Amino acid sequence: MEEKLTARPHRITIQNRSSGTITGIVDVVSFDENTIVLDTDQGLLTIKGNGLHVSRLTLEKGEVDVDGTVDSLVYSSNEALRRSGESFLKRLFR
């Protein structure tokens, strides 16, 4: 039987370009100190900046907190990622 996923509310709150909370996260695709890529129900969200750090990640609730200087937020299609079927965290913990 196929499991039905319900869309979570997607919200972005950024304070003074230095910290923020993002909800509605499905998975973390990749991250380093200049780029964080998150899979959301609304598409891939790419956060670019300097000194970026994922300070809290709760995939069960679909929430992530980030710190650092945020320069840009960009959405793109997540269809290619969904077709690959393998997340960054799954690849990391093989």
N, C-alpha and C. Protein backbone atom coordinates (compact mmCIF):
# COMPACT_ATOMS: atom_id res chain seq x y z
N MET A 1 0.84 -1.17 0.00
CA MET A 1 0.00 0.00 0.00
C MET A 1 0.89 1.24 0.00
N GLU A 2 0.51 2.22 -0.79
CA GLU A 2 1.30 3.44 -0.89
C GLU A 2 0.93 4.39 0.25
N GLU A 3 1.96 4.92 0.89
CA GLU A 3 1.75 5.85 2.01
C GLU A 3 1.45 7.24 1.48
N LYS A 4 0.42 7.86 1.98
CA LYS A 4 0.04 9.22 1.56
C LYS A 4 0.72 10.23 2.46
N LEU A 5 1.48 11.13 1.86
CA LEU A 5 2.17 12.17 2.61
C LEU A 5 1.33 13.44 2.59
N THR A 6 1.19 14.06 3.73
CA THR A 6 0.46 15.32 3.80
C THR A 6 1.46 16.46 3.76
N ALA A 7 1.10 17.49 3.04
CA ALA A 7 1.97 18.66 2.95
C ALA A 7 1.99 19.40 4.28
N ARG A 8 3.17 19.76 4.70
CA ARG A 8 3.33 20.53 5.93
C ARG A 8 3.32 22.01 5.59
N PRO A 9 2.87 22.83 6.53
CA PRO A 9 2.94 24.28 6.29
C PRO A 9 4.40 24.70 6.08
N HIS A 10 4.63 25.51 5.07
CA HIS A 10 5.99 25.95 4.75
C HIS A 10 6.12 27.42 5.13
N ARG A 11 7.05 27.71 6.01
CA ARG A 11 7.25 29.07 6.49
C ARG A 11 8.75 29.34 6.63
N ILE A 12 9.14 30.55 6.26
CA ILE A 12 10.53 30.98 6.42
C ILE A 12 10.53 32.25 7.26
N THR A 13 11.32 32.24 8.33
CA THR A 13 11.48 33.41 9.18
C THR A 13 12.98 33.69 9.28
N ILE A 14 13.39 34.85 8.78
CA ILE A 14 14.80 35.25 8.83
C ILE A 14 14.88 36.52 9.67
N GLN A 15 15.79 36.53 10.65
CA GLN A 15 15.97 37.69 11.52
C GLN A 15 17.32 38.33 11.24
N ASN A 16 17.28 39.56 10.76
CA ASN A 16 18.49 40.36 10.53
C ASN A 16 19.52 39.67 9.64
N ARG A 17 19.05 38.84 8.72
CA ARG A 17 19.92 38.10 7.79
C ARG A 17 20.94 37.23 8.51
N SER A 18 20.78 36.99 9.81
CA SER A 18 21.79 36.22 10.53
C SER A 18 21.29 34.93 11.14
N SER A 19 19.99 34.75 11.28
CA SER A 19 19.45 33.49 11.81
C SER A 19 18.04 33.33 11.30
N GLY A 20 17.61 32.08 11.24
CA GLY A 20 16.26 31.86 10.75
C GLY A 20 15.75 30.47 11.04
N THR A 21 14.45 30.32 10.88
CA THR A 21 13.77 29.05 11.06
C THR A 21 12.96 28.77 9.80
N ILE A 22 13.03 27.54 9.32
CA ILE A 22 12.30 27.15 8.13
C ILE A 22 11.49 25.91 8.48
N THR A 23 10.20 25.92 8.17
CA THR A 23 9.35 24.76 8.41
C THR A 23 8.87 24.22 7.07
N GLY A 24 8.33 23.02 7.09
CA GLY A 24 7.87 22.37 5.86
C GLY A 24 8.99 21.69 5.11
N ILE A 25 10.03 21.30 5.82
CA ILE A 25 11.20 20.65 5.23
C ILE A 25 10.94 19.15 5.11
N VAL A 26 11.24 18.58 3.94
CA VAL A 26 11.15 17.14 3.73
C VAL A 26 12.49 16.48 4.00
N ASP A 27 13.57 17.12 3.53
CA ASP A 27 14.91 16.53 3.67
C ASP A 27 15.97 17.60 3.47
N VAL A 28 17.16 17.34 3.99
CA VAL A 28 18.33 18.18 3.73
C VAL A 28 19.10 17.51 2.60
N VAL A 29 19.24 18.20 1.48
CA VAL A 29 19.93 17.63 0.32
C VAL A 29 21.44 17.77 0.49
N SER A 30 21.90 18.98 0.85
CA SER A 30 23.34 19.21 1.08
C SER A 30 23.51 20.49 1.86
N PHE A 31 24.68 20.61 2.48
CA PHE A 31 24.99 21.86 3.17
C PHE A 31 26.49 22.00 3.35
N ASP A 32 26.95 23.24 3.31
CA ASP A 32 28.30 23.62 3.70
C ASP A 32 28.21 25.06 4.19
N GLU A 33 29.32 25.71 4.43
CA GLU A 33 29.24 27.03 5.05
C GLU A 33 28.79 28.14 4.09
N ASN A 34 28.69 27.83 2.79
CA ASN A 34 28.24 28.82 1.82
C ASN A 34 26.88 28.52 1.21
N THR A 35 26.42 27.27 1.28
CA THR A 35 25.16 26.88 0.63
C THR A 35 24.46 25.79 1.43
N ILE A 36 23.16 25.95 1.61
CA ILE A 36 22.32 24.91 2.20
C ILE A 36 21.20 24.64 1.20
N VAL A 37 20.99 23.37 0.84
CA VAL A 37 19.93 22.98 -0.08
C VAL A 37 18.94 22.11 0.68
N LEU A 38 17.68 22.56 0.73
CA LEU A 38 16.62 21.87 1.45
C LEU A 38 15.53 21.43 0.49
N ASP A 39 15.02 20.22 0.68
CA ASP A 39 13.89 19.74 -0.10
C ASP A 39 12.62 20.07 0.66
N THR A 40 11.72 20.82 0.03
CA THR A 40 10.44 21.18 0.64
C THR A 40 9.32 20.72 -0.29
N ASP A 41 8.10 20.73 0.20
CA ASP A 41 6.96 20.41 -0.64
C ASP A 41 6.76 21.45 -1.74
N GLN A 42 7.34 22.62 -1.58
CA GLN A 42 7.22 23.70 -2.54
C GLN A 42 8.35 23.70 -3.57
N GLY A 43 9.32 22.80 -3.44
CA GLY A 43 10.46 22.73 -4.34
C GLY A 43 11.75 22.75 -3.55
N LEU A 44 12.87 22.69 -4.25
CA LEU A 44 14.17 22.80 -3.59
C LEU A 44 14.41 24.24 -3.19
N LEU A 45 14.84 24.43 -1.96
CA LEU A 45 15.16 25.77 -1.46
C LEU A 45 16.66 25.84 -1.27
N THR A 46 17.32 26.73 -1.99
CA THR A 46 18.76 26.93 -1.88
C THR A 46 19.01 28.22 -1.13
N ILE A 47 19.73 28.11 -0.02
CA ILE A 47 20.10 29.27 0.79
C ILE A 47 21.58 29.50 0.58
N LYS A 48 21.94 30.70 0.15
CA LYS A 48 23.35 31.04 -0.06
C LYS A 48 23.74 32.15 0.90
N GLY A 49 24.99 32.10 1.33
CA GLY A 49 25.49 33.11 2.24
C GLY A 49 26.89 32.78 2.70
N ASN A 50 27.25 33.27 3.88
CA ASN A 50 28.58 33.06 4.45
C ASN A 50 28.45 32.54 5.87
N GLY A 51 29.29 31.61 6.24
CA GLY A 51 29.29 31.07 7.60
C GLY A 51 27.98 30.40 7.97
N LEU A 52 27.32 29.77 6.99
CA LEU A 52 26.03 29.13 7.26
C LEU A 52 26.22 27.86 8.08
N HIS A 53 25.31 27.66 8.99
CA HIS A 53 25.37 26.52 9.91
C HIS A 53 23.95 26.05 10.22
N VAL A 54 23.72 24.75 10.11
CA VAL A 54 22.43 24.18 10.50
C VAL A 54 22.52 23.90 12.00
N SER A 55 21.85 24.73 12.80
CA SER A 55 21.97 24.60 14.25
C SER A 55 20.98 23.62 14.85
N ARG A 56 19.83 23.41 14.18
CA ARG A 56 18.85 22.43 14.66
C ARG A 56 18.13 21.86 13.46
N LEU A 57 18.00 20.53 13.44
CA LEU A 57 17.30 19.85 12.36
C LEU A 57 16.37 18.82 12.98
N THR A 58 15.08 18.95 12.70
CA THR A 58 14.08 18.00 13.17
C THR A 58 13.25 17.58 11.97
N LEU A 59 13.64 16.48 11.31
CA LEU A 59 12.93 16.05 10.12
C LEU A 59 11.54 15.53 10.44
N GLU A 60 11.34 14.99 11.65
CA GLU A 60 10.02 14.50 12.02
C GLU A 60 8.99 15.63 12.01
N LYS A 61 9.42 16.82 12.45
CA LYS A 61 8.54 17.99 12.44
C LYS A 61 8.72 18.82 11.16
N GLY A 62 9.77 18.53 10.40
CA GLY A 62 10.03 19.28 9.18
C GLY A 62 10.55 20.67 9.45
N GLU A 63 11.42 20.81 10.47
CA GLU A 63 11.93 22.13 10.87
C GLU A 63 13.45 22.15 10.84
N VAL A 64 13.99 23.31 10.50
CA VAL A 64 15.43 23.51 10.54
C VAL A 64 15.71 24.95 10.96
N ASP A 65 16.74 25.13 11.79
CA ASP A 65 17.22 26.45 12.18
C ASP A 65 18.58 26.66 11.54
N VAL A 66 18.80 27.82 10.98
CA VAL A 66 20.09 28.14 10.36
C VAL A 66 20.65 29.42 10.97
N ASP A 67 21.97 29.49 11.01
CA ASP A 67 22.70 30.66 11.48
C ASP A 67 23.72 31.03 10.42
N GLY A 68 24.14 32.27 10.40
CA GLY A 68 25.12 32.76 9.44
C GLY A 68 24.53 33.93 8.67
N THR A 69 25.29 34.46 7.74
CA THR A 69 24.84 35.59 6.92
C THR A 69 24.12 35.06 5.69
N VAL A 70 22.82 35.34 5.58
CA VAL A 70 22.01 34.89 4.45
C VAL A 70 22.05 35.96 3.36
N ASP A 71 22.49 35.53 2.16
CA ASP A 71 22.54 36.45 1.02
C ASP A 71 21.37 36.24 0.06
N SER A 72 20.92 34.98 -0.10
CA SER A 72 19.82 34.74 -1.03
C SER A 72 19.07 33.45 -0.69
N LEU A 73 17.80 33.43 -1.10
CA LEU A 73 16.94 32.25 -1.00
C LEU A 73 16.36 32.04 -2.39
N VAL A 74 16.53 30.83 -2.96
CA VAL A 74 16.06 30.56 -4.31
C VAL A 74 15.35 29.21 -4.33
N TYR A 75 14.15 29.19 -4.96
CA TYR A 75 13.41 27.95 -5.15
C TYR A 75 13.67 27.41 -6.55
N SER A 76 13.70 26.08 -6.67
CA SER A 76 13.80 25.42 -7.97
C SER A 76 13.03 24.12 -7.90
N SER A 77 12.86 23.47 -9.03
CA SER A 77 12.11 22.22 -9.09
C SER A 77 12.85 21.12 -8.34
N ASN A 78 12.09 20.24 -7.67
CA ASN A 78 12.71 19.13 -6.97
C ASN A 78 12.39 17.80 -7.64
N GLU A 79 11.93 17.82 -8.88
CA GLU A 79 11.54 16.60 -9.58
C GLU A 79 12.72 15.65 -9.79
N ALA A 80 13.88 16.17 -10.19
CA ALA A 80 15.04 15.31 -10.41
C ALA A 80 15.47 14.65 -9.10
N LEU A 81 15.42 15.40 -8.01
CA LEU A 81 15.77 14.83 -6.71
C LEU A 81 14.79 13.74 -6.32
N ARG A 82 13.52 13.96 -6.51
CA ARG A 82 12.50 12.97 -6.15
C ARG A 82 12.68 11.69 -6.97
N ARG A 83 13.06 11.84 -8.23
CA ARG A 83 13.27 10.66 -9.08
C ARG A 83 14.50 9.88 -8.66
N SER A 84 15.54 10.55 -8.15
CA SER A 84 16.74 9.83 -7.74
C SER A 84 16.46 8.96 -6.52
N GLY A 85 15.51 9.40 -5.66
CA GLY A 85 15.06 8.57 -4.55
C GLY A 85 16.05 8.41 -3.41
N GLU A 86 17.14 9.11 -3.43
CA GLU A 86 18.13 8.94 -2.39
C GLU A 86 18.54 10.29 -1.83
N SER A 87 18.38 10.48 -0.54
CA SER A 87 18.68 11.76 0.08
C SER A 87 20.15 11.86 0.47
N PHE A 88 20.54 13.07 0.77
CA PHE A 88 21.90 13.32 1.23
C PHE A 88 22.20 12.54 2.51
N LEU A 89 21.28 12.56 3.45
CA LEU A 89 21.51 11.85 4.72
C LEU A 89 21.58 10.35 4.53
N LYS A 90 20.80 9.80 3.63
CA LYS A 90 20.88 8.36 3.35
C LYS A 90 22.24 8.00 2.76
N ARG A 91 22.72 8.85 1.83
CA ARG A 91 24.04 8.61 1.25
C ARG A 91 25.14 8.76 2.28
N LEU A 92 24.96 9.71 3.20
CA LEU A 92 25.97 9.99 4.22
C LEU A 92 26.14 8.83 5.19
N PHE A 93 25.03 8.18 5.56
CA PHE A 93 25.07 7.15 6.58
C PHE A 93 25.08 5.73 6.04
N ARG A 94 25.57 5.52 4.83
CA ARG A 94 25.71 4.17 4.27
C ARG A 94 26.80 3.41 4.97
